[in-house]
Amino acid sequence: MRKLIAVLAVAGVSLAAAPVFAGEPAWSDSEFLSANRCLGLAQSKDLGVVDATALIAKIKQEGRGRIGYVRDRADEMRSAALRDGRTRSETVRAKLTAERDGVCKVYLGATVAAN
């Protein structure tokens, strides 16, 4: 009888905790930060703007449930990428465009290839 009570108690705790785990973000904090940098590069007019509508929606969804520090750092990284994109150096601009069209393709998808 004690085993049955223990099993039921564990099952009850597990069911109560399930909604907490269901709300966890699919991206790690590192991926969330990288996606925000990619968004900044995609929105930089000097690098050639890429349609990032889907990424904006995904970032908004992934931002829910994140601690404030991570969201603040993501905003900083996006702003820094936008600022970096305004460079006059062709070498730096080429490097940033390559990053956007290469590494960021994971987050931006086919929109990079279309432009």
PDB file of N, CA and C in Angstrom:
ATOM      1  N   MET A   1       0.821  -1.194   0.000  1.00  0.00           N
ATOM      2  CA  MET A   1       0.000   0.000   0.000  1.00  0.00           C
ATOM      3  C   MET A   1       0.869   1.264   0.000  1.00  0.00           C
ATOM      4  N   ARG A   2       1.973   1.197   0.760  1.00  0.00           N
ATOM      5  CA  ARG A   2       2.862   2.365   0.808  1.00  0.00           C
ATOM      6  C   ARG A   2       3.485   2.637  -0.557  1.00  0.00           C
ATOM      7  N   LYS A   3       3.819   1.543  -1.279  1.00  0.00           N
ATOM      8  CA  LYS A   3       4.393   1.718  -2.612  1.00  0.00           C
ATOM      9  C   LYS A   3       3.391   2.390  -3.542  1.00  0.00           C
ATOM     10  N   LEU A   4       2.150   1.998  -3.452  1.00  0.00           N
ATOM     11  CA  LEU A   4       1.121   2.587  -4.301  1.00  0.00           C
ATOM     12  C   LEU A   4       0.959   4.069  -3.995  1.00  0.00           C
ATOM     13  N   ILE A   5       0.967   4.422  -2.745  1.00  0.00           N
ATOM     14  CA  ILE A   5       0.853   5.824  -2.350  1.00  0.00           C
ATOM     15  C   ILE A   5       2.067   6.607  -2.847  1.00  0.00           C
ATOM     16  N   ALA A   6       3.244   6.030  -2.722  1.00  0.00           N
ATOM     17  CA  ALA A   6       4.461   6.694  -3.189  1.00  0.00           C
ATOM     18  C   ALA A   6       4.426   6.896  -4.697  1.00  0.00           C
ATOM     19  N   VAL A   7       3.979   5.884  -5.429  1.00  0.00           N
ATOM     20  CA  VAL A   7       3.888   5.981  -6.897  1.00  0.00           C
ATOM     21  C   VAL A   7       2.883   7.058  -7.289  1.00  0.00           C
ATOM     22  N   LEU A   8       1.753   7.091  -6.638  1.00  0.00           N
ATOM     23  CA  LEU A   8       0.739   8.107  -6.931  1.00  0.00           C
ATOM     24  C   LEU A   8       1.244   9.514  -6.593  1.00  0.00           C
ATOM     25  N   ALA A   9       1.977   9.622  -5.515  1.00  0.00           N
ATOM     26  CA  ALA A   9       2.531  10.924  -5.137  1.00  0.00           C
ATOM     27  C   ALA A   9       3.538  11.416  -6.179  1.00  0.00           C
ATOM     28  N   VAL A  10       4.410  10.528  -6.627  1.00  0.00           N
ATOM     29  CA  VAL A  10       5.390  10.886  -7.648  1.00  0.00           C
ATOM     30  C   VAL A  10       4.691  11.263  -8.955  1.00  0.00           C
ATOM     31  N   ALA A  11       3.669  10.493  -9.314  1.00  0.00           N
ATOM     32  CA  ALA A  11       2.916  10.778 -10.535  1.00  0.00           C
ATOM     33  C   ALA A  11       2.227  12.137 -10.444  1.00  0.00           C
ATOM     34  N   GLY A  12       1.686  12.453  -9.301  1.00  0.00           N
ATOM     35  CA  GLY A  12       1.030  13.745  -9.105  1.00  0.00           C
ATOM     36  C   GLY A  12       2.005  14.904  -9.228  1.00  0.00           C
ATOM     37  N   VAL A  13       3.179  14.745  -8.650  1.00  0.00           N
ATOM     38  CA  VAL A  13       4.206  15.787  -8.747  1.00  0.00           C
ATOM     39  C   VAL A  13       4.659  15.942 -10.197  1.00  0.00           C
ATOM     40  N   SER A  14       4.816  14.840 -10.899  1.00  0.00           N
ATOM     41  CA  SER A  14       5.236  14.883 -12.297  1.00  0.00           C
ATOM     42  C   SER A  14       4.211  15.606 -13.156  1.00  0.00           C
ATOM     43  N   LEU A  15       2.947  15.314 -12.933  1.00  0.00           N
ATOM     44  CA  LEU A  15       1.892  15.978 -13.705  1.00  0.00           C
ATOM     45  C   LEU A  15       1.832  17.474 -13.391  1.00  0.00           C
ATOM     46  N   ALA A  16       2.061  17.826 -12.167  1.00  0.00           N
ATOM     47  CA  ALA A  16       2.037  19.234 -11.786  1.00  0.00           C
ATOM     48  C   ALA A  16       3.212  19.988 -12.396  1.00  0.00           C
ATOM     49  N   ALA A  17       4.343  19.327 -12.559  1.00  0.00           N
ATOM     50  CA  ALA A  17       5.529  19.979 -13.108  1.00  0.00           C
ATOM     51  C   ALA A  17       5.525  20.025 -14.629  1.00  0.00           C
ATOM     52  N   ALA A  18       4.731  19.227 -15.291  1.00  0.00           N
ATOM     53  CA  ALA A  18       4.722  19.151 -16.760  1.00  0.00           C
ATOM     54  C   ALA A  18       4.471  20.502 -17.430  1.00  0.00           C
ATOM     55  N   PRO A  19       3.511  21.316 -16.984  1.00  0.00           N
ATOM     56  CA  PRO A  19       3.311  22.606 -17.650  1.00  0.00           C
ATOM     57  C   PRO A  19       4.523  23.533 -17.537  1.00  0.00           C
ATOM     58  N   VAL A  20       5.283  23.420 -16.482  1.00  0.00           N
ATOM     59  CA  VAL A  20       6.473  24.248 -16.322  1.00  0.00           C
ATOM     60  C   VAL A  20       7.492  23.914 -17.402  1.00  0.00           C
ATOM     61  N   PHE A  21       7.703  22.636 -17.649  1.00  0.00           N
ATOM     62  CA  PHE A  21       8.681  22.220 -18.636  1.00  0.00           C
ATOM     63  C   PHE A  21       8.176  22.436 -20.062  1.00  0.00           C
ATOM     64  N   ALA A  22       6.896  22.427 -20.269  1.00  0.00           N
ATOM     65  CA  ALA A  22       6.337  22.613 -21.607  1.00  0.00           C
ATOM     66  C   ALA A  22       6.621  24.014 -22.127  1.00  0.00           C
ATOM     67  N   GLY A  23       6.798  24.990 -21.241  1.00  0.00           N
ATOM     68  CA  GLY A  23       7.032  26.361 -21.658  1.00  0.00           C
ATOM     69  C   GLY A  23       8.489  26.698 -21.910  1.00  0.00           C
ATOM     70  N   GLU A  24       9.376  25.733 -21.799  1.00  0.00           N
ATOM     71  CA  GLU A  24      10.795  26.008 -22.026  1.00  0.00           C
ATOM     72  C   GLU A  24      11.047  26.370 -23.476  1.00  0.00           C
ATOM     73  N   PRO A  25      11.955  27.313 -23.709  1.00  0.00           N
ATOM     74  CA  PRO A  25      12.265  27.696 -25.080  1.00  0.00           C
ATOM     75  C   PRO A  25      12.992  26.580 -25.834  1.00  0.00           C
ATOM     76  N   ALA A  26      12.779  26.528 -27.132  1.00  0.00           N
ATOM     77  CA  ALA A  26      13.408  25.503 -27.961  1.00  0.00           C
ATOM     78  C   ALA A  26      14.867  25.838 -28.236  1.00  0.00           C
ATOM     79  N   TRP A  27      15.215  27.119 -28.275  1.00  0.00           N
ATOM     80  CA  TRP A  27      16.598  27.539 -28.501  1.00  0.00           C
ATOM     81  C   TRP A  27      17.317  27.686 -27.166  1.00  0.00           C
ATOM     82  N   SER A  28      18.599  27.393 -27.174  1.00  0.00           N
ATOM     83  CA  SER A  28      19.422  27.686 -25.998  1.00  0.00           C
ATOM     84  C   SER A  28      19.627  29.200 -25.944  1.00  0.00           C
ATOM     85  N   ASP A  29      20.141  29.688 -24.835  1.00  0.00           N
ATOM     86  CA  ASP A  29      20.420  31.120 -24.727  1.00  0.00           C
ATOM     87  C   ASP A  29      21.433  31.553 -25.784  1.00  0.00           C
ATOM     88  N   SER A  30      22.415  30.724 -26.033  1.00  0.00           N
ATOM     89  CA  SER A  30      23.433  31.023 -27.033  1.00  0.00           C
ATOM     90  C   SER A  30      22.817  31.152 -28.427  1.00  0.00           C
ATOM     91  N   GLU A  31      21.923  30.243 -28.773  1.00  0.00           N
ATOM     92  CA  GLU A  31      21.243  30.312 -30.062  1.00  0.00           C
ATOM     93  C   GLU A  31      20.355  31.549 -30.148  1.00  0.00           C
ATOM     94  N   PHE A  32      19.704  31.883 -29.047  1.00  0.00           N
ATOM     95  CA  PHE A  32      18.855  33.076 -29.004  1.00  0.00           C
ATOM     96  C   PHE A  32      19.683  34.331 -29.251  1.00  0.00           C
ATOM     97  N   LEU A  33      20.854  34.397 -28.631  1.00  0.00           N
ATOM     98  CA  LEU A  33      21.738  35.546 -28.834  1.00  0.00           C
ATOM     99  C   LEU A  33      22.240  35.598 -30.273  1.00  0.00           C
ATOM    100  N   SER A  34      22.637  34.472 -30.818  1.00  0.00           N
ATOM    101  CA  SER A  34      23.121  34.417 -32.201  1.00  0.00           C
ATOM    102  C   SER A  34      22.023  34.840 -33.173  1.00  0.00           C
ATOM    103  N   ALA A  35      20.813  34.398 -32.932  1.00  0.00           N
ATOM    104  CA  ALA A  35      19.694  34.759 -33.807  1.00  0.00           C
ATOM    105  C   ALA A  35      19.448  36.263 -33.781  1.00  0.00           C
ATOM    106  N   ASN A  36      19.612  36.876 -32.627  1.00  0.00           N
ATOM    107  CA  ASN A  36      19.433  38.320 -32.530  1.00  0.00           C
ATOM    108  C   ASN A  36      20.530  39.069 -33.272  1.00  0.00           C
ATOM    109  N   ARG A  37      21.765  38.581 -33.210  1.00  0.00           N
ATOM    110  CA  ARG A  37      22.842  39.197 -33.992  1.00  0.00           C
ATOM    111  C   ARG A  37      22.525  39.073 -35.483  1.00  0.00           C
ATOM    112  N   CYS A  38      22.069  37.907 -35.886  1.00  0.00           N
ATOM    113  CA  CYS A  38      21.718  37.687 -37.289  1.00  0.00           C
ATOM    114  C   CYS A  38      20.585  38.611 -37.718  1.00  0.00           C
ATOM    115  N   LEU A  39      19.639  38.857 -36.833  1.00  0.00           N
ATOM    116  CA  LEU A  39      18.557  39.778 -37.149  1.00  0.00           C
ATOM    117  C   LEU A  39      19.104  41.179 -37.394  1.00  0.00           C
ATOM    118  N   GLY A  40      20.040  41.602 -36.560  1.00  0.00           N
ATOM    119  CA  GLY A  40      20.662  42.913 -36.755  1.00  0.00           C
ATOM    120  C   GLY A  40      21.366  43.007 -38.098  1.00  0.00           C
ATOM    121  N   LEU A  41      22.079  41.952 -38.473  1.00  0.00           N
ATOM    122  CA  LEU A  41      22.765  41.943 -39.774  1.00  0.00           C
ATOM    123  C   LEU A  41      21.749  41.938 -40.914  1.00  0.00           C
ATOM    124  N   ALA A  42      20.662  41.214 -40.737  1.00  0.00           N
ATOM    125  CA  ALA A  42      19.636  41.138 -41.778  1.00  0.00           C
ATOM    126  C   ALA A  42      18.928  42.470 -41.966  1.00  0.00           C
ATOM    127  N   GLN A  43      18.809  43.248 -40.917  1.00  0.00           N
ATOM    128  CA  GLN A  43      18.104  44.524 -40.987  1.00  0.00           C
ATOM    129  C   GLN A  43      19.019  45.691 -41.360  1.00  0.00           C
ATOM    130  N   SER A  44      20.300  45.437 -41.465  1.00  0.00           N
ATOM    131  CA  SER A  44      21.240  46.502 -41.804  1.00  0.00           C
ATOM    132  C   SER A  44      21.078  46.902 -43.268  1.00  0.00           C
ATOM    133  N   LYS A  45      20.683  48.138 -43.500  1.00  0.00           N
ATOM    134  CA  LYS A  45      20.451  48.621 -44.861  1.00  0.00           C
ATOM    135  C   LYS A  45      21.736  48.659 -45.679  1.00  0.00           C
ATOM    136  N   ASP A  46      22.853  48.918 -45.041  1.00  0.00           N
ATOM    137  CA  ASP A  46      24.121  49.010 -45.755  1.00  0.00           C
ATOM    138  C   ASP A  46      24.625  47.650 -46.241  1.00  0.00           C
ATOM    139  N   LEU A  47      24.142  46.594 -45.646  1.00  0.00           N
ATOM    140  CA  LEU A  47      24.531  45.244 -46.077  1.00  0.00           C
ATOM    141  C   LEU A  47      23.524  44.669 -47.076  1.00  0.00           C
ATOM    142  N   GLY A  48      22.444  45.382 -47.294  1.00  0.00           N
ATOM    143  CA  GLY A  48      21.375  44.873 -48.140  1.00  0.00           C
ATOM    144  C   GLY A  48      20.357  44.169 -47.272  1.00  0.00           C
ATOM    145  N   VAL A  49      19.220  44.764 -47.111  1.00  0.00           N
ATOM    146  CA  VAL A  49      18.200  44.245 -46.207  1.00  0.00           C
ATOM    147  C   VAL A  49      17.652  42.917 -46.723  1.00  0.00           C
ATOM    148  N   VAL A  50      17.483  42.002 -45.807  1.00  0.00           N
ATOM    149  CA  VAL A  50      16.923  40.683 -46.080  1.00  0.00           C
ATOM    150  C   VAL A  50      15.594  40.589 -45.344  1.00  0.00           C
ATOM    151  N   ASP A  51      14.617  39.927 -45.946  1.00  0.00           N
ATOM    152  CA  ASP A  51      13.322  39.740 -45.285  1.00  0.00           C
ATOM    153  C   ASP A  51      13.511  38.852 -44.056  1.00  0.00           C
ATOM    154  N   ALA A  52      13.300  39.435 -42.909  1.00  0.00           N
ATOM    155  CA  ALA A  52      13.510  38.711 -41.656  1.00  0.00           C
ATOM    156  C   ALA A  52      12.223  38.596 -40.856  1.00  0.00           C
ATOM    157  N   THR A  53      11.101  38.677 -41.525  1.00  0.00           N
ATOM    158  CA  THR A  53       9.808  38.629 -40.838  1.00  0.00           C
ATOM    159  C   THR A  53       9.643  37.366 -40.005  1.00  0.00           C
ATOM    160  N   ALA A  54       9.988  36.230 -40.583  1.00  0.00           N
ATOM    161  CA  ALA A  54       9.847  34.965 -39.857  1.00  0.00           C
ATOM    162  C   ALA A  54      10.788  34.912 -38.657  1.00  0.00           C
ATOM    163  N   LEU A  55      12.002  35.441 -38.823  1.00  0.00           N
ATOM    164  CA  LEU A  55      12.958  35.444 -37.715  1.00  0.00           C
ATOM    165  C   LEU A  55      12.482  36.352 -36.588  1.00  0.00           C
ATOM    166  N   ILE A  56      11.908  37.478 -36.929  1.00  0.00           N
ATOM    167  CA  ILE A  56      11.380  38.393 -35.908  1.00  0.00           C
ATOM    168  C   ILE A  56      10.311  37.686 -35.074  1.00  0.00           C
ATOM    169  N   ALA A  57       9.414  36.981 -35.753  1.00  0.00           N
ATOM    170  CA  ALA A  57       8.349  36.253 -35.044  1.00  0.00           C
ATOM    171  C   ALA A  57       8.926  35.151 -34.162  1.00  0.00           C
ATOM    172  N   LYS A  58       9.919  34.433 -34.685  1.00  0.00           N
ATOM    173  CA  LYS A  58      10.530  33.345 -33.917  1.00  0.00           C
ATOM    174  C   LYS A  58      11.264  33.896 -32.692  1.00  0.00           C
ATOM    175  N   ILE A  59      11.975  35.003 -32.862  1.00  0.00           N
ATOM    176  CA  ILE A  59      12.688  35.619 -31.732  1.00  0.00           C
ATOM    177  C   ILE A  59      11.692  36.081 -30.671  1.00  0.00           C
ATOM    178  N   LYS A  60      10.584  36.644 -31.108  1.00  0.00           N
ATOM    179  CA  LYS A  60       9.562  37.082 -30.151  1.00  0.00           C
ATOM    180  C   LYS A  60       9.035  35.892 -29.359  1.00  0.00           C
ATOM    181  N   GLN A  61       8.765  34.793 -30.064  1.00  0.00           N
ATOM    182  CA  GLN A  61       8.273  33.580 -29.411  1.00  0.00           C
ATOM    183  C   GLN A  61       9.328  33.019 -28.456  1.00  0.00           C
ATOM    184  N   GLU A  62      10.570  32.957 -28.904  1.00  0.00           N
ATOM    185  CA  GLU A  62      11.649  32.388 -28.086  1.00  0.00           C
ATOM    186  C   GLU A  62      12.022  33.291 -26.913  1.00  0.00           C
ATOM    187  N   GLY A  63      11.709  34.568 -26.998  1.00  0.00           N
ATOM    188  CA  GLY A  63      12.039  35.498 -25.923  1.00  0.00           C
ATOM    189  C   GLY A  63      11.190  35.316 -24.677  1.00  0.00           C
ATOM    190  N   ARG A  64      10.031  34.712 -24.870  1.00  0.00           N
ATOM    191  CA  ARG A  64       9.149  34.472 -23.718  1.00  0.00           C
ATOM    192  C   ARG A  64       9.801  33.470 -22.770  1.00  0.00           C
ATOM    193  N   GLY A  65       9.803  33.803 -21.528  1.00  0.00           N
ATOM    194  CA  GLY A  65      10.340  32.893 -20.524  1.00  0.00           C
ATOM    195  C   GLY A  65      11.843  33.025 -20.306  1.00  0.00           C
ATOM    196  N   ARG A  66      12.501  33.877 -21.057  1.00  0.00           N
ATOM    197  CA  ARG A  66      13.953  34.080 -20.863  1.00  0.00           C
ATOM    198  C   ARG A  66      14.170  35.093 -19.744  1.00  0.00           C
ATOM    199  N   ILE A  67      15.277  34.935 -19.061  1.00  0.00           N
ATOM    200  CA  ILE A  67      15.589  35.888 -17.997  1.00  0.00           C
ATOM    201  C   ILE A  67      15.946  37.235 -18.624  1.00  0.00           C
ATOM    202  N   GLY A  68      15.742  38.282 -17.869  1.00  0.00           N
ATOM    203  CA  GLY A  68      15.945  39.640 -18.366  1.00  0.00           C
ATOM    204  C   GLY A  68      17.333  39.895 -18.909  1.00  0.00           C
ATOM    205  N   TYR A  69      18.348  39.339 -18.251  1.00  0.00           N
ATOM    206  CA  TYR A  69      19.720  39.563 -18.705  1.00  0.00           C
ATOM    207  C   TYR A  69      19.930  39.055 -20.128  1.00  0.00           C
ATOM    208  N   VAL A  70      19.386  37.898 -20.436  1.00  0.00           N
ATOM    209  CA  VAL A  70      19.561  37.315 -21.767  1.00  0.00           C
ATOM    210  C   VAL A  70      18.836  38.165 -22.806  1.00  0.00           C
ATOM    211  N   ARG A  71      17.622  38.612 -22.484  1.00  0.00           N
ATOM    212  CA  ARG A  71      16.892  39.481 -23.421  1.00  0.00           C
ATOM    213  C   ARG A  71      17.622  40.796 -23.631  1.00  0.00           C
ATOM    214  N   ASP A  72      18.162  41.369 -22.558  1.00  0.00           N
ATOM    215  CA  ASP A  72      18.919  42.621 -22.681  1.00  0.00           C
ATOM    216  C   ASP A  72      20.171  42.430 -23.532  1.00  0.00           C
ATOM    217  N   ARG A  73      20.871  41.339 -23.301  1.00  0.00           N
ATOM    218  CA  ARG A  73      22.090  41.050 -24.074  1.00  0.00           C
ATOM    219  C   ARG A  73      21.744  40.828 -25.547  1.00  0.00           C
ATOM    220  N   ALA A  74      20.620  40.189 -25.814  1.00  0.00           N
ATOM    221  CA  ALA A  74      20.176  39.974 -27.193  1.00  0.00           C
ATOM    222  C   ALA A  74      19.907  41.305 -27.882  1.00  0.00           C
ATOM    223  N   ASP A  75      19.261  42.234 -27.176  1.00  0.00           N
ATOM    224  CA  ASP A  75      19.016  43.570 -27.734  1.00  0.00           C
ATOM    225  C   ASP A  75      20.324  44.282 -28.041  1.00  0.00           C
ATOM    226  N   GLU A  76      21.298  44.148 -27.141  1.00  0.00           N
ATOM    227  CA  GLU A  76      22.612  44.764 -27.346  1.00  0.00           C
ATOM    228  C   GLU A  76      23.306  44.178 -28.574  1.00  0.00           C
ATOM    229  N   MET A  77      23.218  42.871 -28.728  1.00  0.00           N
ATOM    230  CA  MET A  77      23.873  42.218 -29.867  1.00  0.00           C
ATOM    231  C   MET A  77      23.217  42.614 -31.189  1.00  0.00           C
ATOM    232  N   ARG A  78      21.899  42.740 -31.192  1.00  0.00           N
ATOM    233  CA  ARG A  78      21.194  43.160 -32.401  1.00  0.00           C
ATOM    234  C   ARG A  78      21.580  44.593 -32.759  1.00  0.00           C
ATOM    235  N   SER A  79      21.621  45.471 -31.760  1.00  0.00           N
ATOM    236  CA  SER A  79      22.004  46.869 -31.997  1.00  0.00           C
ATOM    237  C   SER A  79      23.446  46.974 -32.475  1.00  0.00           C
ATOM    238  N   ALA A  80      24.332  46.183 -31.889  1.00  0.00           N
ATOM    239  CA  ALA A  80      25.742  46.201 -32.295  1.00  0.00           C
ATOM    240  C   ALA A  80      25.897  45.730 -33.737  1.00  0.00           C
ATOM    241  N   ALA A  81      25.137  44.723 -34.133  1.00  0.00           N
ATOM    242  CA  ALA A  81      25.203  44.228 -35.512  1.00  0.00           C
ATOM    243  C   ALA A  81      24.706  45.293 -36.486  1.00  0.00           C
ATOM    244  N   LEU A  82      23.640  45.992 -36.119  1.00  0.00           N
ATOM    245  CA  LEU A  82      23.154  47.091 -36.956  1.00  0.00           C
ATOM    246  C   LEU A  82      24.219  48.184 -37.083  1.00  0.00           C
ATOM    247  N   ARG A  83      24.840  48.496 -35.974  1.00  0.00           N
ATOM    248  CA  ARG A  83      25.896  49.528 -35.957  1.00  0.00           C
ATOM    249  C   ARG A  83      27.095  49.080 -36.780  1.00  0.00           C
ATOM    250  N   ASP A  84      27.488  47.820 -36.621  1.00  0.00           N
ATOM    251  CA  ASP A  84      28.619  47.281 -37.382  1.00  0.00           C
ATOM    252  C   ASP A  84      28.341  47.332 -38.881  1.00  0.00           C
ATOM    253  N   GLY A  85      27.093  47.117 -39.252  1.00  0.00           N
ATOM    254  CA  GLY A  85      26.723  47.121 -40.661  1.00  0.00           C
ATOM    255  C   GLY A  85      26.854  48.474 -41.331  1.00  0.00           C
ATOM    256  N   ARG A  86      26.937  49.534 -40.549  1.00  0.00           N
ATOM    257  CA  ARG A  86      27.076  50.883 -41.109  1.00  0.00           C
ATOM    258  C   ARG A  86      28.524  51.263 -41.399  1.00  0.00           C
ATOM    259  N   THR A  87      29.416  50.313 -41.359  1.00  0.00           N
ATOM    260  CA  THR A  87      30.830  50.590 -41.570  1.00  0.00           C
ATOM    261  C   THR A  87      31.098  51.076 -42.998  1.00  0.00           C
ATOM    262  N   ARG A  88      32.155  51.830 -43.167  1.00  0.00           N
ATOM    263  CA  ARG A  88      32.566  52.286 -44.499  1.00  0.00           C
ATOM    264  C   ARG A  88      33.593  51.335 -45.100  1.00  0.00           C
ATOM    265  N   SER A  89      34.143  50.470 -44.291  1.00  0.00           N
ATOM    266  CA  SER A  89      35.169  49.542 -44.745  1.00  0.00           C
ATOM    267  C   SER A  89      34.542  48.426 -45.576  1.00  0.00           C
ATOM    268  N   GLU A  90      34.986  48.324 -46.812  1.00  0.00           N
ATOM    269  CA  GLU A  90      34.479  47.265 -47.692  1.00  0.00           C
ATOM    270  C   GLU A  90      34.865  45.879 -47.175  1.00  0.00           C
ATOM    271  N   THR A  91      36.028  45.773 -46.565  1.00  0.00           N
ATOM    272  CA  THR A  91      36.487  44.495 -46.027  1.00  0.00           C
ATOM    273  C   THR A  91      35.578  44.027 -44.897  1.00  0.00           C
ATOM    274  N   VAL A  92      35.269  44.920 -43.976  1.00  0.00           N
ATOM    275  CA  VAL A  92      34.391  44.583 -42.850  1.00  0.00           C
ATOM    276  C   VAL A  92      32.986  44.295 -43.361  1.00  0.00           C
ATOM    277  N   ARG A  93      32.532  45.095 -44.306  1.00  0.00           N
ATOM    278  CA  ARG A  93      31.196  44.886 -44.867  1.00  0.00           C
ATOM    279  C   ARG A  93      31.096  43.508 -45.539  1.00  0.00           C
ATOM    280  N   ALA A  94      32.139  43.125 -46.258  1.00  0.00           N
ATOM    281  CA  ALA A  94      32.155  41.812 -46.911  1.00  0.00           C
ATOM    282  C   ALA A  94      32.131  40.693 -45.866  1.00  0.00           C
ATOM    283  N   LYS A  95      32.864  40.890 -44.771  1.00  0.00           N
ATOM    284  CA  LYS A  95      32.895  39.895 -43.699  1.00  0.00           C
ATOM    285  C   LYS A  95      31.517  39.750 -43.056  1.00  0.00           C
ATOM    286  N   LEU A  96      30.862  40.871 -42.799  1.00  0.00           N
ATOM    287  CA  LEU A  96      29.540  40.832 -42.175  1.00  0.00           C
ATOM    288  C   LEU A  96      28.492  40.236 -43.116  1.00  0.00           C
ATOM    289  N   THR A  97      28.600  40.545 -44.399  1.00  0.00           N
ATOM    290  CA  THR A  97      27.679  39.969 -45.381  1.00  0.00           C
ATOM    291  C   THR A  97      27.879  38.456 -45.471  1.00  0.00           C
ATOM    292  N   ALA A  98      29.135  38.030 -45.425  1.00  0.00           N
ATOM    293  CA  ALA A  98      29.424  36.592 -45.455  1.00  0.00           C
ATOM    294  C   ALA A  98      28.866  35.907 -44.213  1.00  0.00           C
ATOM    295  N   GLU A  99      28.959  36.565 -43.065  1.00  0.00           N
ATOM    296  CA  GLU A  99      28.390  36.003 -41.834  1.00  0.00           C
ATOM    297  C   GLU A  99      26.873  35.879 -41.962  1.00  0.00           C
ATOM    298  N   ARG A 100      26.256  36.950 -42.447  1.00  0.00           N
ATOM    299  CA  ARG A 100      24.797  36.930 -42.606  1.00  0.00           C
ATOM    300  C   ARG A 100      24.350  35.853 -43.592  1.00  0.00           C
ATOM    301  N   ASP A 101      25.063  35.735 -44.708  1.00  0.00           N
ATOM    302  CA  ASP A 101      24.677  34.777 -45.743  1.00  0.00           C
ATOM    303  C   ASP A 101      25.153  33.357 -45.445  1.00  0.00           C
ATOM    304  N   GLY A 102      26.040  33.207 -44.460  1.00  0.00           N
ATOM    305  CA  GLY A 102      26.558  31.887 -44.114  1.00  0.00           C
ATOM    306  C   GLY A 102      25.979  31.375 -42.808  1.00  0.00           C
ATOM    307  N   VAL A 103      26.574  31.803 -41.721  1.00  0.00           N
ATOM    308  CA  VAL A 103      26.177  31.328 -40.389  1.00  0.00           C
ATOM    309  C   VAL A 103      24.709  31.640 -40.089  1.00  0.00           C
ATOM    310  N   CYS A 104      24.260  32.799 -40.501  1.00  0.00           N
ATOM    311  CA  CYS A 104      22.896  33.230 -40.171  1.00  0.00           C
ATOM    312  C   CYS A 104      21.831  32.553 -41.014  1.00  0.00           C
ATOM    313  N   LYS A 105      22.243  31.837 -42.036  1.00  0.00           N
ATOM    314  CA  LYS A 105      21.273  31.163 -42.891  1.00  0.00           C
ATOM    315  C   LYS A 105      20.439  30.161 -42.096  1.00  0.00           C
ATOM    316  N   VAL A 106      21.004  29.648 -41.018  1.00  0.00           N
ATOM    317  CA  VAL A 106      20.270  28.727 -40.139  1.00  0.00           C
ATOM    318  C   VAL A 106      19.020  29.409 -39.591  1.00  0.00           C
ATOM    319  N   TYR A 107      19.137  30.686 -39.255  1.00  0.00           N
ATOM    320  CA  TYR A 107      18.023  31.418 -38.657  1.00  0.00           C
ATOM    321  C   TYR A 107      17.165  32.118 -39.704  1.00  0.00           C
ATOM    322  N   LEU A 108      17.794  32.563 -40.790  1.00  0.00           N
ATOM    323  CA  LEU A 108      17.072  33.322 -41.810  1.00  0.00           C
ATOM    324  C   LEU A 108      16.470  32.441 -42.891  1.00  0.00           C
ATOM    325  N   GLY A 109      16.973  31.253 -43.040  1.00  0.00           N
ATOM    326  CA  GLY A 109      16.427  30.315 -44.013  1.00  0.00           C
ATOM    327  C   GLY A 109      16.658  30.734 -45.441  1.00  0.00           C
ATOM    328  N   ALA A 110      15.687  30.488 -46.283  1.00  0.00           N
ATOM    329  CA  ALA A 110      15.804  30.711 -47.721  1.00  0.00           C
ATOM    330  C   ALA A 110      15.804  32.188 -48.095  1.00  0.00           C
ATOM    331  N   THR A 111      15.451  33.073 -47.166  1.00  0.00           N
ATOM    332  CA  THR A 111      15.395  34.491 -47.507  1.00  0.00           C
ATOM    333  C   THR A 111      16.767  35.045 -47.882  1.00  0.00           C
ATOM    334  N   VAL A 112      17.827  34.467 -47.329  1.00  0.00           N
ATOM    335  CA  VAL A 112      19.178  34.918 -47.664  1.00  0.00           C
ATOM    336  C   VAL A 112      19.506  34.536 -49.100  1.00  0.00           C
ATOM    337  N   ALA A 113      19.184  33.328 -49.470  1.00  0.00           N
ATOM    338  CA  ALA A 113      19.486  32.854 -50.809  1.00  0.00           C
ATOM    339  C   ALA A 113      18.732  33.631 -51.867  1.00  0.00           C
ATOM    340  N   ALA A 114      17.541  34.117 -51.529  1.00  0.00           N
ATOM    341  CA  ALA A 114      16.727  34.846 -52.492  1.00  0.00           C
ATOM    342  C   ALA A 114      17.294  36.223 -52.792  1.00  0.00           C
ATOM    343  N   ASN A 115      18.097  36.765 -51.909  1.00  0.00           N
ATOM    344  CA  ASN A 115      18.646  38.112 -52.125  1.00  0.00           C
ATOM    345  C   ASN A 115      20.042  38.045 -52.525  1.00  0.00           C
TER     346      ASN A 115
END
